[in-house]
């Protein structure tokens, strides 16, 4: 893996705006001043690691369901049967993103963003068009858009009648809106009837069934809204009882993957895997512990409330509002250091199949929502 300094395309801002990219904040989030070059062997290794880790994640779901580990995963027990049902029925799932540390051929799973991953449009579309302008003779680990559209076509027959798929997110987050609208656009291209509404516009009628702003039934809905929030919303209690009238994508079993306890149980079940870092749960923040580790809240977003400790000293720490459920302490995996730029590989799965990657780089050791997205290629 090599980092190249490059010159941004002429008029690049207007080009990415025309492609629907709104969350670039000049060059503080999206940057064309650098690009990462990989060998084909490195790409193959990332693809293989993603596939094998996903198999292990599936085994964790089986283990949680079999052993009724709802308390360990901080999932309210009233949703247990819904999660079991969604897993047994193999309900449609569109996507997920694994964050990987790739350092001198050593690949480690940092997190699995299985429920509400973002940075999708830039990985699937924006960096692909950048490559065509930069050097179209090069290749890119990126079939995300094509695989997503094909997978939506496969999922379409499983939608509840009459088959319209609604899309929703919060109304105050540009990044979430951009990702959700991109997913809607792909569904349109796949021949699926779609519409859009914000999460706060969804209602519940007297029968406990979901409806849209026009009082029409809500049959199918893709939501960019985490299950740990949904389970504590007023409408959350109606999710189990309405499971035969409203299909939610992503499915409810993603609640097992969408919190950091997944990392603990991956290590418990697969302690010898070369991809899995040792991790354990702590109810309270670690005041002091020797060694090298990363402390993460069980539930968190955008790199909040994370602490990196190296040789017993706090190397970096972020603030936030998470941590009520406790923390996961994961062994520290060094990121590559390219003159102070630390890249994390976001490896995408579409329908459980590796489909491509995007790279986020930070000046520090913690990746957050404004860490730079930079393109990549391989020969």
Foldseek 3Di string as FASTA:
>chain_A
DDKDFDDDDVVLVVVVVVVLDDPCPVPLAADARMAAADAVVLVVLVQVVLLVVLVLLVVVLVVCLVVVVCVVLVHPPLCSVQLVVCVVVVADAFKWWWKWFADPNQIATDAIGRAADFPPCCFAPVLVVVCVVVPVVFFALYPNLVLRLVSLLVNQVVFDPPREEEEEEADPDPRSVSRRVVSVVSNVVSVGHYYYDYPVQWDADPVLFIDGNVRHGAREYEYNDDPVVLCPDPSNSSCVVCCVRYHYYPGPNCSSRNWPVSLQVSCVVCVPDSHHWHKDWDLDDDPWDAAWKKKAARHDAFQAQIWTAHRGHTPDGHHDDGANRGIMITGDDDADQDPQKGKIWIFMDTSSRTRHIWIFIDSGDTGGPSGYTYHYTYD
